[in-house]
Amino acid sequence: MHNKHTYFLLREFNTADMKSHRKKSHHSKIRPKELQKYMEDRVDKLRELYQEHSPNTTFEMVMPAGETDGRKAMRVEKVIGEDVSPFDLPDFDKQMPKIEDYHIEEEVNVDKFGLPKRD
């Protein structure tokens, strides 16, 4: 049951009125087609570089220290050779698509004075 103290707290901390006055906006970020194409090409190139430079690996079963029960063995991945990230390649910037190759124009609405309009 509520008493006068709980009614006071409920009235003081009532946020329903504040929320009803807020303007709800459901804006989604829309990118220009050229920028979207640039980002997709960049992801595709990175995927290709990761497939080229993936190291050879093997799996070994390793027992924890002091254990004799083989059911407690853990499967551990061992890297054979050198693990190279595509980001560490010396010609990484040359291999990636350049933003300059994509013609990106941003449309700006201007008023009669040539100033950008605020939405």
N, C-alpha and C. Protein backbone atom coordinates (compact mmCIF):
# COMPACT_ATOMS: atom_id res chain seq x y z
N MET A 1 0.84 -1.18 0.00
CA MET A 1 0.00 0.00 0.00
C MET A 1 0.88 1.24 0.00
N HIS A 2 0.40 2.25 -0.67
CA HIS A 2 1.11 3.51 -0.68
C HIS A 2 0.69 4.35 0.51
N ASN A 3 1.65 5.05 1.03
CA ASN A 3 1.33 6.03 2.06
C ASN A 3 1.71 7.41 1.55
N LYS A 4 1.63 8.41 2.41
CA LYS A 4 1.87 9.78 1.94
C LYS A 4 3.31 9.98 1.48
N HIS A 5 4.24 9.22 2.03
CA HIS A 5 5.64 9.37 1.64
C HIS A 5 5.89 8.80 0.24
N THR A 6 5.30 7.64 -0.05
CA THR A 6 5.51 7.06 -1.38
C THR A 6 4.79 7.89 -2.44
N TYR A 7 3.61 8.46 -2.12
CA TYR A 7 2.93 9.33 -3.08
C TYR A 7 3.77 10.58 -3.36
N PHE A 8 4.43 11.11 -2.35
CA PHE A 8 5.29 12.27 -2.52
C PHE A 8 6.45 11.93 -3.45
N LEU A 9 7.07 10.78 -3.22
CA LEU A 9 8.19 10.37 -4.06
C LEU A 9 7.74 10.13 -5.50
N LEU A 10 6.60 9.49 -5.66
CA LEU A 10 6.10 9.24 -7.01
C LEU A 10 5.80 10.55 -7.74
N ARG A 11 5.26 11.54 -7.02
CA ARG A 11 4.96 12.82 -7.64
C ARG A 11 6.25 13.59 -7.97
N GLU A 12 7.23 13.52 -7.08
CA GLU A 12 8.49 14.25 -7.30
C GLU A 12 9.30 13.68 -8.47
N PHE A 13 9.28 12.37 -8.59
CA PHE A 13 10.12 11.72 -9.60
C PHE A 13 9.33 11.28 -10.82
N ASN A 14 8.18 11.85 -11.03
CA ASN A 14 7.37 11.51 -12.19
C ASN A 14 7.99 12.13 -13.43
N THR A 15 8.42 11.31 -14.38
CA THR A 15 9.05 11.81 -15.60
C THR A 15 8.15 11.69 -16.80
N ALA A 16 6.94 11.21 -16.62
CA ALA A 16 6.03 11.03 -17.75
C ALA A 16 5.71 12.37 -18.40
N ASP A 17 5.50 13.40 -17.60
CA ASP A 17 5.18 14.71 -18.17
C ASP A 17 6.35 15.26 -18.97
N MET A 18 7.57 15.06 -18.50
CA MET A 18 8.74 15.56 -19.21
C MET A 18 8.92 14.83 -20.53
N LYS A 19 8.66 13.55 -20.55
CA LYS A 19 8.85 12.78 -21.77
C LYS A 19 7.82 13.12 -22.83
N SER A 20 6.61 13.50 -22.40
CA SER A 20 5.57 13.80 -23.38
C SER A 20 5.85 15.10 -24.14
N HIS A 21 6.68 15.98 -23.58
CA HIS A 21 6.98 17.25 -24.24
C HIS A 21 8.18 17.16 -25.18
N ARG A 22 8.92 16.08 -25.09
CA ARG A 22 10.07 15.92 -25.98
C ARG A 22 9.62 15.63 -27.39
N LYS A 23 10.32 16.21 -28.33
CA LYS A 23 10.02 15.96 -29.73
C LYS A 23 10.73 14.69 -30.15
N LYS A 24 9.98 13.77 -30.67
CA LYS A 24 10.56 12.51 -31.12
C LYS A 24 11.01 12.67 -32.56
N SER A 25 12.24 12.33 -32.80
CA SER A 25 12.76 12.39 -34.16
C SER A 25 13.35 11.03 -34.51
N HIS A 26 13.00 10.57 -35.66
CA HIS A 26 13.48 9.27 -36.13
C HIS A 26 14.32 9.49 -37.38
N HIS A 27 15.41 10.20 -37.22
CA HIS A 27 16.29 10.47 -38.35
C HIS A 27 17.25 9.32 -38.52
N SER A 28 17.40 8.89 -39.72
CA SER A 28 18.42 7.89 -40.01
C SER A 28 19.49 8.57 -40.86
N LYS A 29 20.68 8.08 -40.72
CA LYS A 29 21.80 8.68 -41.43
C LYS A 29 21.79 8.18 -42.86
N ILE A 30 21.64 9.09 -43.79
CA ILE A 30 21.64 8.73 -45.21
C ILE A 30 22.93 9.25 -45.82
N ARG A 31 23.71 8.34 -46.35
CA ARG A 31 24.98 8.72 -46.94
C ARG A 31 24.81 8.81 -48.45
N PRO A 32 25.58 9.68 -49.08
CA PRO A 32 25.55 9.72 -50.54
C PRO A 32 25.99 8.38 -51.13
N LYS A 33 25.50 8.08 -52.31
CA LYS A 33 25.81 6.80 -52.94
C LYS A 33 27.30 6.62 -53.18
N GLU A 34 27.98 7.70 -53.51
CA GLU A 34 29.42 7.60 -53.79
C GLU A 34 30.19 7.23 -52.53
N LEU A 35 29.81 7.82 -51.39
CA LEU A 35 30.49 7.51 -50.14
C LEU A 35 30.20 6.08 -49.72
N GLN A 36 28.98 5.64 -49.91
CA GLN A 36 28.62 4.26 -49.60
C GLN A 36 29.42 3.29 -50.47
N LYS A 37 29.57 3.61 -51.75
CA LYS A 37 30.35 2.77 -52.67
C LYS A 37 31.82 2.73 -52.25
N TYR A 38 32.38 3.88 -51.83
CA TYR A 38 33.76 3.95 -51.38
C TYR A 38 33.96 3.04 -50.16
N MET A 39 33.05 3.10 -49.20
CA MET A 39 33.19 2.29 -48.00
C MET A 39 33.06 0.80 -48.32
N GLU A 40 32.15 0.44 -49.23
CA GLU A 40 32.01 -0.96 -49.62
C GLU A 40 33.26 -1.46 -50.34
N ASP A 41 33.84 -0.64 -51.22
CA ASP A 41 35.07 -1.03 -51.92
C ASP A 41 36.22 -1.19 -50.94
N ARG A 42 36.28 -0.34 -49.95
CA ARG A 42 37.34 -0.42 -48.95
C ARG A 42 37.22 -1.71 -48.13
N VAL A 43 36.01 -2.07 -47.76
CA VAL A 43 35.78 -3.31 -47.01
C VAL A 43 36.14 -4.52 -47.86
N ASP A 44 35.76 -4.49 -49.13
CA ASP A 44 36.10 -5.61 -50.03
C ASP A 44 37.60 -5.77 -50.17
N LYS A 45 38.33 -4.67 -50.31
CA LYS A 45 39.79 -4.72 -50.44
C LYS A 45 40.43 -5.25 -49.16
N LEU A 46 39.92 -4.81 -48.00
CA LEU A 46 40.45 -5.31 -46.73
C LEU A 46 40.19 -6.81 -46.58
N ARG A 47 39.02 -7.25 -46.99
CA ARG A 47 38.70 -8.68 -46.93
C ARG A 47 39.67 -9.47 -47.80
N GLU A 48 39.96 -8.94 -48.98
CA GLU A 48 40.90 -9.59 -49.90
C GLU A 48 42.31 -9.64 -49.31
N LEU A 49 42.75 -8.53 -48.69
CA LEU A 49 44.09 -8.50 -48.10
C LEU A 49 44.20 -9.45 -46.91
N TYR A 50 43.15 -9.55 -46.11
CA TYR A 50 43.20 -10.49 -44.99
C TYR A 50 43.27 -11.93 -45.48
N GLN A 51 42.61 -12.26 -46.58
CA GLN A 51 42.69 -13.62 -47.11
C GLN A 51 44.08 -13.91 -47.67
N GLU A 52 44.71 -12.91 -48.30
CA GLU A 52 46.06 -13.09 -48.84
C GLU A 52 47.09 -13.29 -47.74
N HIS A 53 46.97 -12.54 -46.65
CA HIS A 53 48.01 -12.52 -45.63
C HIS A 53 47.63 -13.30 -44.37
N SER A 54 46.70 -14.23 -44.50
CA SER A 54 46.36 -15.04 -43.32
C SER A 54 47.46 -16.07 -43.10
N PRO A 55 47.93 -16.23 -41.87
CA PRO A 55 49.03 -17.17 -41.60
C PRO A 55 48.52 -18.61 -41.56
N ASN A 56 49.42 -19.53 -41.74
CA ASN A 56 49.10 -20.95 -41.59
C ASN A 56 49.02 -21.27 -40.10
N THR A 57 48.03 -22.05 -39.73
CA THR A 57 47.86 -22.39 -38.32
C THR A 57 47.66 -23.89 -38.17
N THR A 58 48.02 -24.38 -37.00
CA THR A 58 47.75 -25.76 -36.62
C THR A 58 47.14 -25.74 -35.22
N PHE A 59 46.49 -26.81 -34.88
CA PHE A 59 45.90 -26.92 -33.56
C PHE A 59 46.57 -28.05 -32.80
N GLU A 60 46.86 -27.80 -31.53
CA GLU A 60 47.48 -28.80 -30.67
C GLU A 60 46.64 -28.95 -29.42
N MET A 61 46.66 -30.15 -28.87
CA MET A 61 45.99 -30.39 -27.61
C MET A 61 47.01 -30.22 -26.49
N VAL A 62 46.75 -29.33 -25.55
CA VAL A 62 47.68 -29.02 -24.47
C VAL A 62 47.01 -29.32 -23.14
N MET A 63 47.75 -30.01 -22.26
CA MET A 63 47.24 -30.33 -20.93
C MET A 63 47.60 -29.21 -19.96
N PRO A 64 46.67 -28.81 -19.10
CA PRO A 64 47.02 -27.83 -18.07
C PRO A 64 48.07 -28.40 -17.13
N ALA A 65 48.82 -27.54 -16.48
CA ALA A 65 49.90 -27.98 -15.60
C ALA A 65 49.34 -28.77 -14.43
N GLY A 66 49.94 -29.92 -14.17
CA GLY A 66 49.55 -30.75 -13.04
C GLY A 66 48.37 -31.66 -13.30
N GLU A 67 47.82 -31.65 -14.47
CA GLU A 67 46.67 -32.50 -14.79
C GLU A 67 47.13 -33.77 -15.52
N THR A 68 46.45 -34.86 -15.24
CA THR A 68 46.75 -36.12 -15.92
C THR A 68 45.55 -36.62 -16.70
N ASP A 69 44.39 -36.03 -16.47
CA ASP A 69 43.16 -36.44 -17.13
C ASP A 69 43.11 -35.81 -18.52
N GLY A 70 43.10 -36.65 -19.55
CA GLY A 70 43.11 -36.15 -20.92
C GLY A 70 41.84 -35.41 -21.32
N ARG A 71 40.76 -35.58 -20.55
CA ARG A 71 39.51 -34.88 -20.87
C ARG A 71 39.62 -33.39 -20.59
N LYS A 72 40.61 -32.97 -19.81
CA LYS A 72 40.78 -31.56 -19.48
C LYS A 72 41.76 -30.86 -20.42
N ALA A 73 42.19 -31.55 -21.47
CA ALA A 73 43.11 -30.97 -22.43
C ALA A 73 42.40 -29.84 -23.20
N MET A 74 43.17 -28.81 -23.55
CA MET A 74 42.62 -27.66 -24.26
C MET A 74 43.18 -27.63 -25.68
N ARG A 75 42.36 -27.23 -26.61
CA ARG A 75 42.77 -27.09 -28.01
C ARG A 75 43.34 -25.69 -28.19
N VAL A 76 44.62 -25.61 -28.59
CA VAL A 76 45.32 -24.33 -28.72
C VAL A 76 45.75 -24.16 -30.17
N GLU A 77 45.52 -22.97 -30.70
CA GLU A 77 45.91 -22.67 -32.07
C GLU A 77 47.34 -22.15 -32.09
N LYS A 78 48.17 -22.74 -32.92
CA LYS A 78 49.57 -22.32 -33.07
C LYS A 78 49.75 -21.73 -34.46
N VAL A 79 50.41 -20.57 -34.52
CA VAL A 79 50.66 -19.88 -35.79
C VAL A 79 52.00 -20.34 -36.33
N ILE A 80 51.98 -20.79 -37.60
CA ILE A 80 53.21 -21.20 -38.26
C ILE A 80 53.65 -20.04 -39.15
N GLY A 81 54.84 -19.56 -38.93
CA GLY A 81 55.34 -18.43 -39.72
C GLY A 81 55.02 -17.12 -39.02
N GLU A 82 54.86 -16.08 -39.84
CA GLU A 82 54.66 -14.74 -39.30
C GLU A 82 53.22 -14.29 -39.56
N ASP A 83 52.63 -13.72 -38.53
CA ASP A 83 51.27 -13.20 -38.63
C ASP A 83 51.37 -11.71 -38.99
N VAL A 84 50.99 -11.36 -40.23
CA VAL A 84 51.11 -9.99 -40.72
C VAL A 84 49.72 -9.40 -40.91
N SER A 85 49.50 -8.25 -40.31
CA SER A 85 48.24 -7.55 -40.50
C SER A 85 48.32 -6.72 -41.78
N PRO A 86 47.26 -6.65 -42.56
CA PRO A 86 47.29 -5.80 -43.76
C PRO A 86 47.55 -4.34 -43.45
N PHE A 87 47.18 -3.90 -42.26
CA PHE A 87 47.42 -2.51 -41.88
C PHE A 87 48.91 -2.21 -41.69
N ASP A 88 49.72 -3.25 -41.46
CA ASP A 88 51.16 -3.08 -41.27
C ASP A 88 51.95 -3.15 -42.57
N LEU A 89 51.30 -3.40 -43.68
CA LEU A 89 52.00 -3.50 -44.96
C LEU A 89 52.56 -2.13 -45.35
N PRO A 90 53.75 -2.09 -45.97
CA PRO A 90 54.33 -0.80 -46.34
C PRO A 90 53.55 -0.07 -47.43
N ASP A 91 52.88 -0.81 -48.31
CA ASP A 91 52.13 -0.17 -49.39
C ASP A 91 50.62 -0.25 -49.16
N PHE A 92 50.22 -0.25 -47.89
CA PHE A 92 48.80 -0.37 -47.56
C PHE A 92 47.99 0.78 -48.15
N ASP A 93 48.47 2.01 -48.01
CA ASP A 93 47.73 3.17 -48.52
C ASP A 93 47.61 3.14 -50.04
N LYS A 94 48.63 2.60 -50.71
CA LYS A 94 48.57 2.52 -52.18
C LYS A 94 47.57 1.47 -52.65
N GLN A 95 47.40 0.41 -51.87
CA GLN A 95 46.49 -0.66 -52.26
C GLN A 95 45.03 -0.33 -52.01
N MET A 96 44.77 0.51 -51.01
CA MET A 96 43.39 0.82 -50.65
C MET A 96 42.80 1.84 -51.63
N PRO A 97 41.47 1.77 -51.87
CA PRO A 97 40.84 2.78 -52.74
C PRO A 97 40.95 4.16 -52.12
N LYS A 98 41.08 5.15 -52.96
CA LYS A 98 41.24 6.53 -52.49
C LYS A 98 39.92 7.27 -52.59
N ILE A 99 39.67 8.12 -51.62
CA ILE A 99 38.41 8.87 -51.59
C ILE A 99 38.34 9.86 -52.75
N GLU A 100 39.50 10.27 -53.24
CA GLU A 100 39.53 11.24 -54.34
C GLU A 100 38.98 10.64 -55.64
N ASP A 101 39.04 9.32 -55.75
CA ASP A 101 38.55 8.66 -56.96
C ASP A 101 37.02 8.61 -57.03
N TYR A 102 36.38 8.92 -55.94
CA TYR A 102 34.92 8.92 -55.87
C TYR A 102 34.45 10.37 -55.80
N HIS A 103 33.63 10.75 -56.74
CA HIS A 103 33.15 12.13 -56.80
C HIS A 103 31.98 12.27 -55.84
N ILE A 104 32.22 12.96 -54.73
CA ILE A 104 31.19 13.11 -53.70
C ILE A 104 30.78 14.57 -53.63
N GLU A 105 29.51 14.83 -53.88
CA GLU A 105 28.97 16.17 -53.76
C GLU A 105 27.93 16.17 -52.67
N GLU A 106 27.99 17.17 -51.85
CA GLU A 106 26.99 17.29 -50.79
C GLU A 106 26.04 18.41 -51.15
N GLU A 107 24.77 18.07 -51.20
CA GLU A 107 23.79 19.09 -51.52
C GLU A 107 23.49 19.89 -50.26
N VAL A 108 23.53 21.20 -50.40
CA VAL A 108 23.26 22.07 -49.27
C VAL A 108 22.13 23.01 -49.67
N ASN A 109 21.08 23.04 -48.89
CA ASN A 109 19.99 23.97 -49.13
C ASN A 109 20.40 25.34 -48.62
N VAL A 110 20.25 26.35 -49.47
CA VAL A 110 20.61 27.70 -49.07
C VAL A 110 19.39 28.59 -49.16
N ASP A 111 19.39 29.63 -48.33
CA ASP A 111 18.29 30.58 -48.37
C ASP A 111 18.58 31.68 -49.40
N LYS A 112 17.77 32.71 -49.44
CA LYS A 112 17.92 33.75 -50.46
C LYS A 112 19.20 34.55 -50.28
N PHE A 113 19.85 34.48 -49.10
CA PHE A 113 21.08 35.20 -48.86
C PHE A 113 22.33 34.33 -49.12
N GLY A 114 22.13 33.07 -49.51
CA GLY A 114 23.25 32.18 -49.78
C GLY A 114 23.77 31.47 -48.56
N LEU A 115 23.05 31.57 -47.44
CA LEU A 115 23.47 30.90 -46.21
C LEU A 115 22.77 29.54 -46.11
N PRO A 116 23.44 28.54 -45.51
CA PRO A 116 22.82 27.23 -45.40
C PRO A 116 21.59 27.29 -44.48
N LYS A 117 20.53 26.59 -44.91
CA LYS A 117 19.30 26.54 -44.11
C LYS A 117 19.48 25.53 -42.99
N ARG A 118 18.85 25.83 -41.88
CA ARG A 118 18.82 24.89 -40.76
C ARG A 118 17.54 24.12 -40.81
N ASP A 119 17.64 22.82 -40.57
CA ASP A 119 16.44 21.99 -40.59
C ASP A 119 15.84 21.91 -39.22
